[in-house]
């Protein structure tokens, strides 16, 4: 029985590896099978086709990502501390799993992602959305829509991780903290004279 998840894991790993090098269109199912050391029939036993395989790989990544990002959230911490922890975890997840980042960016900008997949991944992020909402109610964040606040901050953190990856930079915790604090400054509600909507 243990062979099934092992085979699926091999398929997922090969899919990520090849797509990070060759892109979606340059990665046929036959090449994934060869790289995973499996027959093409085994892949079609688990997946009806390439679209289903890509959906499942994407969902697997997003589940691992969500688990990693929210793993240390704590009600005893302030919303600011929890949000900074989220940023820190996002940075480290994608820095350590850059092939996941490459896959996610390609997939989310392709016509392959379907409505059901969008809904499944949205559920995974509910704890993070609730955290942003809580911070907004406490007037800690700027008076923007939650999805805008998430896009601004997550986009900046992901860009930061990509910069470290592409430039081959060595991780320096103090420098990363400074840079992530700059992301926090971008969305925090700083001026009490502003109107909160």
C-alpha atoms as a PDB file:
ATOM      1  CA  UNK A   1       0.000   0.000   0.000  1.00  0.00           C
ATOM      2  CA  UNK A   2       2.906   2.357   0.685  1.00  0.00           C
ATOM      3  CA  UNK A   3       3.876   2.320  -2.992  1.00  0.00           C
ATOM      4  CA  UNK A   4       0.944   4.532  -4.016  1.00  0.00           C
ATOM      5  CA  UNK A   5       1.952   7.734  -2.170  1.00  0.00           C
ATOM      6  CA  UNK A   6       5.603   7.030  -3.050  1.00  0.00           C
ATOM      7  CA  UNK A   7       4.732   6.876  -6.745  1.00  0.00           C
ATOM      8  CA  UNK A   8       2.611  10.006  -6.509  1.00  0.00           C
ATOM      9  CA  UNK A   9       5.403  11.802  -4.674  1.00  0.00           C
ATOM     10  CA  UNK A  10       7.839  10.798  -7.427  1.00  0.00           C
ATOM     11  CA  UNK A  11       5.420  12.107 -10.064  1.00  0.00           C
ATOM     12  CA  UNK A  12       4.972  15.408  -8.188  1.00  0.00           C
ATOM     13  CA  UNK A  13       8.734  15.826  -7.737  1.00  0.00           C
ATOM     14  CA  UNK A  14       9.453  15.167 -11.408  1.00  0.00           C
ATOM     15  CA  UNK A  15       6.657  17.499 -12.506  1.00  0.00           C
ATOM     16  CA  UNK A  16       8.054  20.331 -10.369  1.00  0.00           C
ATOM     17  CA  UNK A  17      11.639  19.698 -11.483  1.00  0.00           C
ATOM     18  CA  UNK A  18      10.828  19.602 -15.182  1.00  0.00           C
ATOM     19  CA  UNK A  19       8.388  22.509 -15.207  1.00  0.00           C
ATOM     20  CA  UNK A  20      10.884  24.694 -13.327  1.00  0.00           C
ATOM     21  CA  UNK A  21      13.328  24.007 -16.192  1.00  0.00           C
ATOM     22  CA  UNK A  22      11.090  23.685 -19.254  1.00  0.00           C
ATOM     23  CA  UNK A  23       7.754  25.303 -18.436  1.00  0.00           C
ATOM     24  CA  UNK A  24       4.306  23.743 -18.810  1.00  0.00           C
ATOM     25  CA  UNK A  25       4.331  23.370 -22.579  1.00  0.00           C
ATOM     26  CA  UNK A  26       7.855  21.967 -22.657  1.00  0.00           C
ATOM     27  CA  UNK A  27       6.994  19.202 -20.189  1.00  0.00           C
ATOM     28  CA  UNK A  28       5.003  16.353 -21.741  1.00  0.00           C
ATOM     29  CA  UNK A  29       3.578  13.525 -19.617  1.00  0.00           C
ATOM     30  CA  UNK A  30       5.996  11.060 -21.238  1.00  0.00           C
ATOM     31  CA  UNK A  31       8.967  13.102 -19.985  1.00  0.00           C
ATOM     32  CA  UNK A  32       7.502  13.233 -16.466  1.00  0.00           C
ATOM     33  CA  UNK A  33       7.113   9.441 -16.538  1.00  0.00           C
ATOM     34  CA  UNK A  34      10.732   8.933 -17.642  1.00  0.00           C
ATOM     35  CA  UNK A  35      12.066  11.329 -15.028  1.00  0.00           C
ATOM     36  CA  UNK A  36      10.010   9.655 -12.278  1.00  0.00           C
ATOM     37  CA  UNK A  37      11.218   6.231 -13.458  1.00  0.00           C
ATOM     38  CA  UNK A  38       7.628   5.096 -14.021  1.00  0.00           C
ATOM     39  CA  UNK A  39       5.634   3.935 -17.004  1.00  0.00           C
ATOM     40  CA  UNK A  40       3.273   6.408 -18.660  1.00  0.00           C
ATOM     41  CA  UNK A  41       0.475   3.979 -17.792  1.00  0.00           C
ATOM     42  CA  UNK A  42       1.146   4.419 -14.072  1.00  0.00           C
ATOM     43  CA  UNK A  43       0.713   8.195 -14.387  1.00  0.00           C
ATOM     44  CA  UNK A  44      -2.563   7.775 -16.275  1.00  0.00           C
ATOM     45  CA  UNK A  45      -3.672   5.328 -13.595  1.00  0.00           C
ATOM     46  CA  UNK A  46      -3.528   8.155 -11.026  1.00  0.00           C
ATOM     47  CA  UNK A  47      -4.376  11.132 -13.243  1.00  0.00           C
ATOM     48  CA  UNK A  48      -6.783  11.430 -16.160  1.00  0.00           C
ATOM     49  CA  UNK A  49      -4.401  13.773 -17.952  1.00  0.00           C
ATOM     50  CA  UNK A  50      -1.886  16.573 -17.640  1.00  0.00           C
ATOM     51  CA  UNK A  51      -4.471  19.126 -16.511  1.00  0.00           C
ATOM     52  CA  UNK A  52      -5.548  16.996 -13.544  1.00  0.00           C
ATOM     53  CA  UNK A  53      -1.917  16.288 -12.639  1.00  0.00           C
ATOM     54  CA  UNK A  54      -1.069  19.995 -12.656  1.00  0.00           C
ATOM     55  CA  UNK A  55      -4.146  20.777 -10.540  1.00  0.00           C
ATOM     56  CA  UNK A  56      -3.149  18.162  -7.987  1.00  0.00           C
ATOM     57  CA  UNK A  57       0.466  19.367  -7.846  1.00  0.00           C
ATOM     58  CA  UNK A  58      -0.773  22.931  -7.361  1.00  0.00           C
ATOM     59  CA  UNK A  59      -3.154  21.908  -4.561  1.00  0.00           C
ATOM     60  CA  UNK A  60      -0.386  19.903  -2.891  1.00  0.00           C
ATOM     61  CA  UNK A  61       1.942  22.924  -2.946  1.00  0.00           C
ATOM     62  CA  UNK A  62      -0.723  25.281  -1.607  1.00  0.00           C
ATOM     63  CA  UNK A  63      -1.566  22.871   1.223  1.00  0.00           C
ATOM     64  CA  UNK A  64       2.107  22.586   2.235  1.00  0.00           C
ATOM     65  CA  UNK A  65       2.486  26.362   1.895  1.00  0.00           C
ATOM     66  CA  UNK A  66      -0.560  27.123   4.071  1.00  0.00           C
ATOM     67  CA  UNK A  67       0.502  24.613   6.737  1.00  0.00           C
ATOM     68  CA  UNK A  68       4.005  26.106   6.843  1.00  0.00           C
ATOM     69  CA  UNK A  69       2.846  29.719   6.941  1.00  0.00           C
ATOM     70  CA  UNK A  70       0.293  29.317   9.754  1.00  0.00           C
ATOM     71  CA  UNK A  71       2.191  26.710  11.801  1.00  0.00           C
ATOM     72  CA  UNK A  72       3.371  29.089  14.528  1.00  0.00           C
ATOM     73  CA  UNK A  73       0.446  31.533  14.686  1.00  0.00           C
ATOM     74  CA  UNK A  74      -0.544  32.052  18.290  1.00  0.00           C
ATOM     75  CA  UNK A  75      -3.529  33.803  19.886  1.00  0.00           C
ATOM     76  CA  UNK A  76      -1.205  34.996  22.636  1.00  0.00           C
ATOM     77  CA  UNK A  77       0.714  37.102  20.091  1.00  0.00           C
ATOM     78  CA  UNK A  78      -0.502  40.475  18.879  1.00  0.00           C
ATOM     79  CA  UNK A  79      -1.936  40.733  15.327  1.00  0.00           C
ATOM     80  CA  UNK A  80       1.222  42.631  14.349  1.00  0.00           C
ATOM     81  CA  UNK A  81       3.477  39.856  15.690  1.00  0.00           C
ATOM     82  CA  UNK A  82       1.394  37.187  13.958  1.00  0.00           C
ATOM     83  CA  UNK A  83       1.405  39.040  10.642  1.00  0.00           C
ATOM     84  CA  UNK A  84       5.166  39.532  10.787  1.00  0.00           C
ATOM     85  CA  UNK A  85       5.463  35.815  11.487  1.00  0.00           C
ATOM     86  CA  UNK A  86       3.339  35.114   8.390  1.00  0.00           C
ATOM     87  CA  UNK A  87       5.661  37.281   6.265  1.00  0.00           C
ATOM     88  CA  UNK A  88       8.727  35.545   7.716  1.00  0.00           C
ATOM     89  CA  UNK A  89       7.266  32.105   6.971  1.00  0.00           C
ATOM     90  CA  UNK A  90       6.238  33.033   3.421  1.00  0.00           C
ATOM     91  CA  UNK A  91       9.746  34.294   2.713  1.00  0.00           C
ATOM     92  CA  UNK A  92      11.413  31.160   4.068  1.00  0.00           C
ATOM     93  CA  UNK A  93       8.975  28.720   2.462  1.00  0.00           C
ATOM     94  CA  UNK A  94       9.568  30.099  -1.021  1.00  0.00           C
ATOM     95  CA  UNK A  95      13.297  30.636  -0.480  1.00  0.00           C
ATOM     96  CA  UNK A  96      13.641  26.979   0.521  1.00  0.00           C
ATOM     97  CA  UNK A  97      11.150  25.713  -2.097  1.00  0.00           C
ATOM     98  CA  UNK A  98      11.882  27.878  -5.132  1.00  0.00           C
ATOM     99  CA  UNK A  99      10.607  25.229  -7.551  1.00  0.00           C
ATOM    100  CA  UNK A 100       7.213  25.466  -5.832  1.00  0.00           C
ATOM    101  CA  UNK A 101       7.297  29.229  -6.411  1.00  0.00           C
ATOM    102  CA  UNK A 102       8.192  28.785 -10.079  1.00  0.00           C
ATOM    103  CA  UNK A 103       5.342  26.308 -10.548  1.00  0.00           C
ATOM    104  CA  UNK A 104       2.757  28.411  -8.683  1.00  0.00           C
ATOM    105  CA  UNK A 105       3.561  31.561 -10.651  1.00  0.00           C
ATOM    106  CA  UNK A 106       3.305  29.756 -13.983  1.00  0.00           C
ATOM    107  CA  UNK A 107       0.135  27.938 -12.993  1.00  0.00           C
ATOM    108  CA  UNK A 108      -1.708  30.949 -11.569  1.00  0.00           C
ATOM    109  CA  UNK A 109      -1.019  32.873 -14.782  1.00  0.00           C
ATOM    110  CA  UNK A 110      -2.263  30.083 -17.041  1.00  0.00           C
ATOM    111  CA  UNK A 111      -5.789  29.218 -18.209  1.00  0.00           C
ATOM    112  CA  UNK A 112      -5.414  25.768 -16.602  1.00  0.00           C
ATOM    113  CA  UNK A 113      -6.499  26.779 -13.102  1.00  0.00           C
ATOM    114  CA  UNK A 114     -10.195  26.080 -12.614  1.00  0.00           C
ATOM    115  CA  UNK A 115     -12.883  27.459 -10.299  1.00  0.00           C
ATOM    116  CA  UNK A 116     -12.878  24.403  -8.025  1.00  0.00           C
ATOM    117  CA  UNK A 117      -9.118  24.713  -7.522  1.00  0.00           C
ATOM    118  CA  UNK A 118      -9.490  28.425  -6.689  1.00  0.00           C
ATOM    119  CA  UNK A 119     -12.120  27.582  -4.080  1.00  0.00           C
ATOM    120  CA  UNK A 120     -10.051  24.767  -2.560  1.00  0.00           C
ATOM    121  CA  UNK A 121      -6.994  26.977  -2.128  1.00  0.00           C
ATOM    122  CA  UNK A 122      -9.048  29.905  -0.769  1.00  0.00           C
ATOM    123  CA  UNK A 123     -10.234  27.696   2.112  1.00  0.00           C
ATOM    124  CA  UNK A 124      -6.616  26.987   3.068  1.00  0.00           C
ATOM    125  CA  UNK A 125      -5.971  30.693   3.565  1.00  0.00           C
ATOM    126  CA  UNK A 126      -8.949  31.384   5.852  1.00  0.00           C
ATOM    127  CA  UNK A 127      -6.780  31.665   9.026  1.00  0.00           C
ATOM    128  CA  UNK A 128      -4.617  34.289   7.312  1.00  0.00           C
ATOM    129  CA  UNK A 129      -7.629  36.218   6.008  1.00  0.00           C
ATOM    130  CA  UNK A 130      -9.096  36.188   9.530  1.00  0.00           C
ATOM    131  CA  UNK A 131      -5.816  37.516  10.896  1.00  0.00           C
ATOM    132  CA  UNK A 132      -5.880  40.451   8.473  1.00  0.00           C
ATOM    133  CA  UNK A 133      -9.536  41.124   9.318  1.00  0.00           C
ATOM    134  CA  UNK A 134      -8.746  41.107  13.037  1.00  0.00           C
ATOM    135  CA  UNK A 135      -5.907  43.576  12.514  1.00  0.00           C
ATOM    136  CA  UNK A 136      -8.179  45.843  10.467  1.00  0.00           C
ATOM    137  CA  UNK A 137     -10.835  45.864  13.191  1.00  0.00           C
ATOM    138  CA  UNK A 138      -8.179  46.897  15.710  1.00  0.00           C
ATOM    139  CA  UNK A 139      -7.201  49.715  13.309  1.00  0.00           C
ATOM    140  CA  UNK A 140      -3.689  48.302  12.958  1.00  0.00           C
ATOM    141  CA  UNK A 141      -3.796  48.124   9.146  1.00  0.00           C
ATOM    142  CA  UNK A 142      -4.511  50.747   6.502  1.00  0.00           C
ATOM    143  CA  UNK A 143      -8.181  51.166   5.502  1.00  0.00           C
ATOM    144  CA  UNK A 144      -7.930  49.052   2.369  1.00  0.00           C
ATOM    145  CA  UNK A 145      -9.812  45.945   1.279  1.00  0.00           C
ATOM    146  CA  UNK A 146      -8.357  42.805   2.828  1.00  0.00           C
ATOM    147  CA  UNK A 147      -7.518  41.272  -0.547  1.00  0.00           C
ATOM    148  CA  UNK A 148      -5.538  44.406  -1.438  1.00  0.00           C
ATOM    149  CA  UNK A 149      -3.603  44.305   1.832  1.00  0.00           C
ATOM    150  CA  UNK A 150      -2.820  40.619   1.265  1.00  0.00           C
ATOM    151  CA  UNK A 151      -1.776  41.211  -2.362  1.00  0.00           C
ATOM    152  CA  UNK A 152       0.481  44.141  -1.450  1.00  0.00           C
ATOM    153  CA  UNK A 153       2.233  42.406   1.426  1.00  0.00           C
ATOM    154  CA  UNK A 154       2.453  38.893  -0.003  1.00  0.00           C
ATOM    155  CA  UNK A 155       3.589  40.251  -3.370  1.00  0.00           C
ATOM    156  CA  UNK A 156       6.400  42.203  -1.703  1.00  0.00           C
ATOM    157  CA  UNK A 157       7.518  39.224   0.403  1.00  0.00           C
ATOM    158  CA  UNK A 158       7.520  36.876  -2.593  1.00  0.00           C
ATOM    159  CA  UNK A 159       9.479  39.425  -4.640  1.00  0.00           C
ATOM    160  CA  UNK A 160      11.998  39.650  -1.803  1.00  0.00           C
ATOM    161  CA  UNK A 161      12.405  35.847  -1.747  1.00  0.00           C
ATOM    162  CA  UNK A 162      12.853  35.813  -5.541  1.00  0.00           C
ATOM    163  CA  UNK A 163      15.536  38.502  -5.259  1.00  0.00           C
ATOM    164  CA  UNK A 164      17.496  36.430  -2.760  1.00  0.00           C
ATOM    165  CA  UNK A 165      17.151  33.346  -4.983  1.00  0.00           C
ATOM    166  CA  UNK A 166      18.059  35.020  -8.289  1.00  0.00           C
ATOM    167  CA  UNK A 167      21.014  36.925  -6.826  1.00  0.00           C
ATOM    168  CA  UNK A 168      22.264  33.925  -4.838  1.00  0.00           C
ATOM    169  CA  UNK A 169      22.238  36.008  -1.663  1.00  0.00           C
ATOM    170  CA  UNK A 170      23.196  34.497   1.690  1.00  0.00           C
ATOM    171  CA  UNK A 171      20.468  34.614   4.314  1.00  0.00           C
ATOM    172  CA  UNK A 172      21.085  37.208   7.001  1.00  0.00           C
ATOM    173  CA  UNK A 173      18.339  37.185   9.645  1.00  0.00           C
ATOM    174  CA  UNK A 174      18.890  40.776  10.712  1.00  0.00           C
ATOM    175  CA  UNK A 175      18.739  42.048   7.130  1.00  0.00           C
ATOM    176  CA  UNK A 176      15.655  39.948   6.364  1.00  0.00           C
ATOM    177  CA  UNK A 177      13.911  41.276   9.488  1.00  0.00           C
ATOM    178  CA  UNK A 178      14.659  44.833   8.384  1.00  0.00           C
ATOM    179  CA  UNK A 179      13.286  44.160   4.896  1.00  0.00           C
ATOM    180  CA  UNK A 180      10.176  42.400   6.214  1.00  0.00           C
ATOM    181  CA  UNK A 181       9.589  45.306   8.604  1.00  0.00           C
ATOM    182  CA  UNK A 182       9.553  47.548   5.540  1.00  0.00           C
ATOM    183  CA  UNK A 183       6.764  45.359   4.122  1.00  0.00           C
ATOM    184  CA  UNK A 184       4.889  45.748   7.411  1.00  0.00           C
ATOM    185  CA  UNK A 185       5.351  49.552   7.276  1.00  0.00           C
ATOM    186  CA  UNK A 186       3.729  49.541   3.832  1.00  0.00           C
ATOM    187  CA  UNK A 187       0.397  48.203   5.148  1.00  0.00           C
ATOM    188  CA  UNK A 188       0.280  49.321   8.779  1.00  0.00           C
ATOM    189  CA  UNK A 189      -2.076  52.068   9.864  1.00  0.00           C
ATOM    190  CA  UNK A 190       0.498  54.669  10.859  1.00  0.00           C
ATOM    191  CA  UNK A 191      -1.220  58.043  10.961  1.00  0.00           C
ATOM    192  CA  UNK A 192      -3.934  58.507  13.579  1.00  0.00           C
ATOM    193  CA  UNK A 193      -5.114  61.595  11.720  1.00  0.00           C
ATOM    194  CA  UNK A 194      -6.196  59.480   8.757  1.00  0.00           C
ATOM    195  CA  UNK A 195      -9.843  58.559   8.473  1.00  0.00           C
ATOM    196  CA  UNK A 196     -10.455  54.856   8.991  1.00  0.00           C
ATOM    197  CA  UNK A 197     -13.181  53.608   6.643  1.00  0.00           C
END
